[in-house]
N, C-alpha and C. Protein backbone atom coordinates (compact mmCIF):
# COMPACT_ATOMS: atom_id res chain seq x y z
N MET A 1 -85.99 -22.38 -91.05
CA MET A 1 -86.84 -23.11 -91.95
C MET A 1 -88.25 -23.18 -91.35
N GLU A 2 -89.25 -22.96 -92.16
CA GLU A 2 -90.64 -23.03 -91.73
C GLU A 2 -91.12 -24.48 -91.70
N ASN A 3 -91.89 -24.83 -90.69
CA ASN A 3 -92.44 -26.17 -90.57
C ASN A 3 -93.85 -26.15 -91.17
N PRO A 4 -94.08 -26.79 -92.33
CA PRO A 4 -95.40 -26.73 -92.97
C PRO A 4 -96.49 -27.44 -92.18
N HIS A 5 -96.13 -28.25 -91.18
CA HIS A 5 -97.12 -28.98 -90.39
C HIS A 5 -97.35 -28.34 -89.02
N ALA A 6 -96.68 -27.23 -88.74
CA ALA A 6 -96.84 -26.58 -87.43
C ALA A 6 -98.28 -26.18 -87.21
N GLY A 7 -98.79 -26.45 -86.01
CA GLY A 7 -100.13 -26.02 -85.64
C GLY A 7 -101.26 -26.90 -86.13
N GLN A 8 -100.97 -28.00 -86.81
CA GLN A 8 -102.04 -28.81 -87.38
C GLN A 8 -102.46 -29.98 -86.51
N GLY A 9 -101.87 -30.12 -85.36
CA GLY A 9 -102.23 -31.23 -84.50
C GLY A 9 -102.82 -30.75 -83.19
N SER A 10 -102.54 -31.50 -82.15
CA SER A 10 -103.05 -31.17 -80.83
C SER A 10 -102.41 -29.89 -80.31
N VAL A 11 -103.13 -29.22 -79.42
CA VAL A 11 -102.63 -28.00 -78.79
C VAL A 11 -102.64 -28.22 -77.29
N LEU A 12 -101.52 -27.93 -76.64
CA LEU A 12 -101.42 -28.04 -75.20
C LEU A 12 -102.01 -26.79 -74.57
N LEU A 13 -103.02 -26.96 -73.73
CA LEU A 13 -103.66 -25.84 -73.04
C LEU A 13 -103.09 -25.72 -71.64
N ASP A 14 -102.67 -24.53 -71.26
CA ASP A 14 -102.09 -24.30 -69.94
C ASP A 14 -103.08 -23.47 -69.13
N ILE A 15 -104.09 -24.14 -68.54
CA ILE A 15 -105.14 -23.42 -67.82
C ILE A 15 -105.17 -23.82 -66.36
N GLY A 16 -105.76 -22.96 -65.56
CA GLY A 16 -105.91 -23.18 -64.13
C GLY A 16 -105.86 -21.84 -63.41
N GLY A 17 -106.42 -21.77 -62.22
CA GLY A 17 -106.46 -20.51 -61.50
C GLY A 17 -107.24 -19.48 -62.30
N ASP A 18 -106.61 -18.35 -62.61
CA ASP A 18 -107.30 -17.30 -63.38
C ASP A 18 -106.95 -17.36 -64.86
N VAL A 19 -106.39 -18.47 -65.33
CA VAL A 19 -106.01 -18.62 -66.73
C VAL A 19 -106.91 -19.63 -67.41
N GLY A 20 -107.49 -19.22 -68.55
CA GLY A 20 -108.34 -20.09 -69.35
C GLY A 20 -107.81 -20.16 -70.77
N ALA A 21 -108.59 -20.77 -71.65
CA ALA A 21 -108.21 -20.90 -73.06
C ALA A 21 -109.43 -20.60 -73.93
N LEU A 22 -109.16 -20.37 -75.22
CA LEU A 22 -110.23 -20.07 -76.17
C LEU A 22 -110.03 -20.89 -77.43
N VAL A 23 -111.12 -21.54 -77.88
CA VAL A 23 -111.14 -22.26 -79.16
C VAL A 23 -112.28 -21.66 -79.98
N VAL A 24 -111.95 -21.20 -81.19
CA VAL A 24 -112.95 -20.57 -82.06
C VAL A 24 -113.07 -21.40 -83.34
N THR A 25 -114.28 -21.86 -83.63
CA THR A 25 -114.56 -22.53 -84.90
C THR A 25 -114.68 -21.46 -85.97
N MET A 26 -113.99 -21.70 -87.09
CA MET A 26 -113.88 -20.69 -88.14
C MET A 26 -114.49 -21.19 -89.44
N PRO A 27 -114.95 -20.26 -90.31
CA PRO A 27 -115.39 -20.66 -91.65
C PRO A 27 -114.19 -21.18 -92.45
N ALA A 28 -114.41 -22.19 -93.26
CA ALA A 28 -113.33 -22.83 -94.03
C ALA A 28 -112.59 -21.84 -94.92
N GLU A 29 -113.28 -20.85 -95.46
CA GLU A 29 -112.62 -19.91 -96.37
C GLU A 29 -111.63 -18.99 -95.67
N LEU A 30 -111.61 -18.99 -94.33
CA LEU A 30 -110.66 -18.16 -93.59
C LEU A 30 -109.41 -18.92 -93.16
N GLU A 31 -109.28 -20.17 -93.58
CA GLU A 31 -108.09 -20.94 -93.23
C GLU A 31 -106.84 -20.18 -93.68
N GLY A 32 -105.89 -20.05 -92.76
CA GLY A 32 -104.64 -19.38 -93.06
C GLY A 32 -104.55 -17.93 -92.60
N ILE A 33 -105.70 -17.26 -92.38
CA ILE A 33 -105.61 -15.88 -91.90
C ILE A 33 -105.16 -15.88 -90.44
N GLU A 34 -104.64 -14.76 -89.99
CA GLU A 34 -104.24 -14.63 -88.60
C GLU A 34 -105.23 -13.74 -87.88
N VAL A 35 -105.55 -14.14 -86.65
CA VAL A 35 -106.52 -13.42 -85.84
C VAL A 35 -105.84 -12.98 -84.55
N GLU A 36 -106.09 -11.73 -84.19
CA GLU A 36 -105.50 -11.12 -82.99
C GLU A 36 -106.54 -11.08 -81.88
N ILE A 37 -106.08 -11.26 -80.64
CA ILE A 37 -106.95 -11.12 -79.48
C ILE A 37 -106.36 -10.05 -78.58
N ARG A 38 -107.24 -9.20 -78.03
CA ARG A 38 -106.78 -8.13 -77.16
C ARG A 38 -107.86 -7.83 -76.12
N PRO A 39 -107.45 -7.26 -74.99
CA PRO A 39 -108.44 -6.92 -73.98
C PRO A 39 -109.52 -6.01 -74.56
N HIS A 40 -110.75 -6.23 -74.16
CA HIS A 40 -111.88 -5.43 -74.64
C HIS A 40 -111.60 -3.94 -74.41
N GLY A 41 -111.84 -3.15 -75.46
CA GLY A 41 -111.66 -1.71 -75.34
C GLY A 41 -110.30 -1.21 -75.75
N HIS A 42 -109.38 -2.09 -76.13
CA HIS A 42 -108.03 -1.66 -76.53
C HIS A 42 -107.82 -1.75 -78.03
N GLY A 43 -108.92 -1.89 -78.79
CA GLY A 43 -108.78 -2.17 -80.21
C GLY A 43 -108.44 -1.01 -81.10
N THR A 44 -109.04 0.14 -80.90
CA THR A 44 -108.82 1.24 -81.84
C THR A 44 -108.05 2.34 -81.17
N THR A 45 -107.49 3.21 -81.97
CA THR A 45 -106.71 4.32 -81.45
C THR A 45 -107.53 5.15 -80.46
N ALA A 46 -108.82 5.28 -80.72
CA ALA A 46 -109.68 6.09 -79.84
C ALA A 46 -109.79 5.49 -78.44
N HIS A 47 -109.58 4.19 -78.30
CA HIS A 47 -109.72 3.54 -77.00
C HIS A 47 -108.39 3.36 -76.28
N ARG A 48 -107.28 3.65 -76.93
CA ARG A 48 -105.98 3.45 -76.29
C ARG A 48 -105.80 4.48 -75.20
N SER A 49 -105.33 4.02 -74.05
CA SER A 49 -105.26 4.90 -72.89
C SER A 49 -103.94 5.63 -72.76
N ALA A 50 -102.89 5.17 -73.43
CA ALA A 50 -101.58 5.81 -73.31
C ALA A 50 -100.82 5.64 -74.62
N PRO A 51 -99.88 6.54 -74.88
CA PRO A 51 -99.11 6.42 -76.13
C PRO A 51 -98.43 5.06 -76.29
N ASP A 52 -98.00 4.44 -75.20
CA ASP A 52 -97.34 3.14 -75.29
C ASP A 52 -98.27 2.05 -75.80
N ASP A 53 -99.60 2.23 -75.63
CA ASP A 53 -100.56 1.22 -76.09
C ASP A 53 -100.52 1.04 -77.60
N VAL A 54 -100.10 2.08 -78.34
CA VAL A 54 -100.05 2.00 -79.79
C VAL A 54 -99.07 0.91 -80.23
N HIS A 55 -98.02 0.70 -79.44
CA HIS A 55 -96.98 -0.26 -79.80
C HIS A 55 -97.13 -1.60 -79.08
N ARG A 56 -98.17 -1.77 -78.32
CA ARG A 56 -98.37 -3.01 -77.56
C ARG A 56 -98.65 -4.16 -78.51
N HIS A 57 -97.99 -5.27 -78.26
CA HIS A 57 -98.19 -6.48 -79.06
C HIS A 57 -99.34 -7.28 -78.47
N HIS A 58 -100.26 -7.71 -79.31
CA HIS A 58 -101.35 -8.56 -78.88
C HIS A 58 -101.15 -9.93 -79.50
N PRO A 59 -101.43 -10.99 -78.76
CA PRO A 59 -101.25 -12.34 -79.30
C PRO A 59 -102.09 -12.56 -80.56
N HIS A 60 -101.55 -13.31 -81.50
CA HIS A 60 -102.31 -13.67 -82.69
C HIS A 60 -101.95 -15.10 -83.10
N VAL A 61 -102.92 -15.76 -83.70
CA VAL A 61 -102.73 -17.14 -84.16
C VAL A 61 -103.39 -17.28 -85.53
N ALA A 62 -102.95 -18.30 -86.26
CA ALA A 62 -103.51 -18.57 -87.58
C ALA A 62 -104.67 -19.54 -87.49
N VAL A 63 -105.59 -19.42 -88.43
CA VAL A 63 -106.68 -20.37 -88.57
C VAL A 63 -106.10 -21.61 -89.24
N VAL A 64 -106.27 -22.76 -88.58
CA VAL A 64 -105.70 -24.01 -89.05
C VAL A 64 -106.82 -25.05 -89.14
N ASN A 65 -106.78 -25.86 -90.18
CA ASN A 65 -107.74 -26.95 -90.33
C ASN A 65 -107.24 -28.11 -89.47
N ARG A 66 -107.86 -28.32 -88.32
CA ARG A 66 -107.40 -29.31 -87.34
C ARG A 66 -108.22 -30.59 -87.40
N PRO A 67 -107.57 -31.72 -87.15
CA PRO A 67 -108.31 -32.98 -87.12
C PRO A 67 -109.24 -33.04 -85.91
N VAL A 68 -110.46 -33.49 -86.14
CA VAL A 68 -111.44 -33.73 -85.07
C VAL A 68 -112.09 -35.07 -85.37
N VAL A 69 -112.82 -35.57 -84.40
CA VAL A 69 -113.52 -36.84 -84.60
C VAL A 69 -114.43 -36.72 -85.83
N GLY A 70 -114.25 -37.60 -86.78
CA GLY A 70 -115.10 -37.61 -87.96
C GLY A 70 -114.65 -36.69 -89.08
N GLY A 71 -113.48 -36.07 -88.97
CA GLY A 71 -113.03 -35.21 -90.07
C GLY A 71 -112.06 -34.14 -89.62
N SER A 72 -112.34 -32.91 -90.04
CA SER A 72 -111.48 -31.79 -89.66
C SER A 72 -112.35 -30.54 -89.49
N SER A 73 -111.77 -29.56 -88.80
CA SER A 73 -112.50 -28.33 -88.53
C SER A 73 -111.53 -27.15 -88.50
N PRO A 74 -111.77 -26.12 -89.32
CA PRO A 74 -110.92 -24.93 -89.24
C PRO A 74 -111.17 -24.24 -87.89
N SER A 75 -110.09 -23.93 -87.21
CA SER A 75 -110.24 -23.30 -85.90
C SER A 75 -109.00 -22.51 -85.54
N LEU A 76 -109.14 -21.73 -84.50
CA LEU A 76 -107.99 -21.07 -83.90
C LEU A 76 -108.03 -21.33 -82.42
N VAL A 77 -106.86 -21.40 -81.81
CA VAL A 77 -106.75 -21.73 -80.39
C VAL A 77 -105.81 -20.74 -79.72
N PHE A 78 -106.30 -20.11 -78.67
CA PHE A 78 -105.47 -19.31 -77.78
C PHE A 78 -105.35 -20.12 -76.49
N PRO A 79 -104.19 -20.76 -76.25
CA PRO A 79 -104.08 -21.75 -75.19
C PRO A 79 -103.91 -21.20 -73.78
N GLU A 80 -103.69 -19.90 -73.63
CA GLU A 80 -103.40 -19.38 -72.29
C GLU A 80 -103.80 -17.91 -72.23
N LEU A 81 -104.98 -17.62 -71.63
CA LEU A 81 -105.47 -16.24 -71.51
C LEU A 81 -105.94 -15.98 -70.09
N VAL A 82 -105.53 -14.85 -69.53
CA VAL A 82 -106.00 -14.45 -68.21
C VAL A 82 -107.48 -14.11 -68.33
N GLU A 83 -108.27 -14.54 -67.33
CA GLU A 83 -109.72 -14.31 -67.42
C GLU A 83 -110.02 -12.83 -67.62
N GLY A 84 -111.09 -12.61 -68.41
CA GLY A 84 -111.50 -11.24 -68.72
C GLY A 84 -112.27 -11.21 -70.03
N HIS A 85 -112.60 -10.00 -70.47
CA HIS A 85 -113.32 -9.79 -71.72
C HIS A 85 -112.32 -9.45 -72.82
N TYR A 86 -112.47 -10.08 -73.98
CA TYR A 86 -111.55 -9.90 -75.09
C TYR A 86 -112.32 -9.64 -76.38
N GLU A 87 -111.61 -9.03 -77.34
CA GLU A 87 -112.15 -8.84 -78.67
C GLU A 87 -111.17 -9.43 -79.69
N LEU A 88 -111.72 -9.97 -80.78
CA LEU A 88 -110.92 -10.60 -81.81
C LEU A 88 -111.14 -9.91 -83.14
N CYS A 89 -110.06 -9.77 -83.91
CA CYS A 89 -110.14 -9.19 -85.24
C CYS A 89 -109.02 -9.78 -86.10
N ALA A 90 -109.18 -9.69 -87.40
CA ALA A 90 -108.12 -10.13 -88.30
C ALA A 90 -106.91 -9.23 -88.07
N VAL A 91 -105.71 -9.81 -88.10
CA VAL A 91 -104.49 -9.03 -87.92
C VAL A 91 -104.44 -7.94 -88.98
N GLY A 92 -104.07 -6.74 -88.55
CA GLY A 92 -103.95 -5.62 -89.47
C GLY A 92 -105.20 -4.77 -89.58
N THR A 93 -106.25 -5.14 -88.83
CA THR A 93 -107.48 -4.34 -88.84
C THR A 93 -107.87 -4.00 -87.42
N ASP A 94 -108.74 -3.04 -87.28
CA ASP A 94 -109.34 -2.72 -85.99
C ASP A 94 -110.81 -3.12 -85.96
N ASP A 95 -111.23 -3.91 -86.94
CA ASP A 95 -112.62 -4.34 -87.05
C ASP A 95 -112.88 -5.52 -86.12
N VAL A 96 -113.50 -5.26 -84.97
CA VAL A 96 -113.81 -6.32 -84.01
C VAL A 96 -114.92 -7.19 -84.59
N VAL A 97 -114.64 -8.48 -84.71
CA VAL A 97 -115.59 -9.42 -85.30
C VAL A 97 -116.27 -10.25 -84.22
N LEU A 98 -115.59 -10.47 -83.11
CA LEU A 98 -116.11 -11.36 -82.07
C LEU A 98 -115.62 -10.87 -80.72
N THR A 99 -116.49 -10.92 -79.72
CA THR A 99 -116.08 -10.65 -78.34
C THR A 99 -116.37 -11.89 -77.52
N VAL A 100 -115.51 -12.14 -76.54
CA VAL A 100 -115.65 -13.33 -75.70
C VAL A 100 -115.31 -12.98 -74.26
N GLU A 101 -115.80 -13.80 -73.35
CA GLU A 101 -115.43 -13.68 -71.95
C GLU A 101 -114.72 -14.97 -71.56
N ILE A 102 -113.50 -14.83 -71.05
CA ILE A 102 -112.69 -15.97 -70.64
C ILE A 102 -112.79 -16.13 -69.13
N HIS A 103 -112.99 -17.35 -68.68
CA HIS A 103 -113.03 -17.68 -67.26
C HIS A 103 -111.83 -18.55 -66.93
N GLY A 104 -111.25 -18.33 -65.78
CA GLY A 104 -110.11 -19.11 -65.35
C GLY A 104 -110.44 -20.59 -65.25
N ALA A 105 -109.46 -21.43 -65.59
CA ALA A 105 -109.57 -22.89 -65.49
C ALA A 105 -110.64 -23.49 -66.40
N GLU A 106 -111.06 -22.74 -67.44
CA GLU A 106 -112.06 -23.23 -68.36
C GLU A 106 -111.62 -23.00 -69.81
N VAL A 107 -112.15 -23.83 -70.71
CA VAL A 107 -111.97 -23.61 -72.13
C VAL A 107 -113.26 -22.99 -72.67
N THR A 108 -113.14 -21.79 -73.18
CA THR A 108 -114.28 -21.10 -73.77
C THR A 108 -114.31 -21.46 -75.26
N THR A 109 -115.49 -21.74 -75.79
CA THR A 109 -115.64 -22.00 -77.21
C THR A 109 -116.53 -20.94 -77.82
N ALA A 110 -116.25 -20.61 -79.08
CA ALA A 110 -117.03 -19.61 -79.79
C ALA A 110 -117.01 -19.96 -81.28
N THR A 111 -117.88 -19.31 -82.03
CA THR A 111 -117.94 -19.50 -83.48
C THR A 111 -117.81 -18.14 -84.14
N TRP A 112 -116.87 -18.03 -85.07
CA TRP A 112 -116.66 -16.80 -85.84
C TRP A 112 -117.89 -16.59 -86.72
N PRO A 113 -118.46 -15.41 -86.75
CA PRO A 113 -119.64 -15.18 -87.58
C PRO A 113 -119.32 -15.33 -89.08
N GLU A 114 -120.29 -15.83 -89.81
CA GLU A 114 -120.12 -16.01 -91.28
C GLU A 114 -120.14 -14.67 -91.97
């Protein structure tokens, strides 16, 4: 059974050492879409270094309207990422919309372009 309230509250971040987290503020009209994150340069077939990369699973999360002080904010949260450079795109596409750099023991924030 699907939980209709899953993901709408607080998110536990597991950061420290070389592991950080990412919070992206999203446009309201994108609520519900899923966004994938992958190491920079692994997005398109042309950049894949080995045949196995084609089948590699990359983490993805949904855009959720989360409660914040004074209201709510559509966002996505990746709670545990090894430091490095990443690219984000809507699931099912290779269109990189945002690139970020994650630092260990820190929460990186970004805004999805309109």
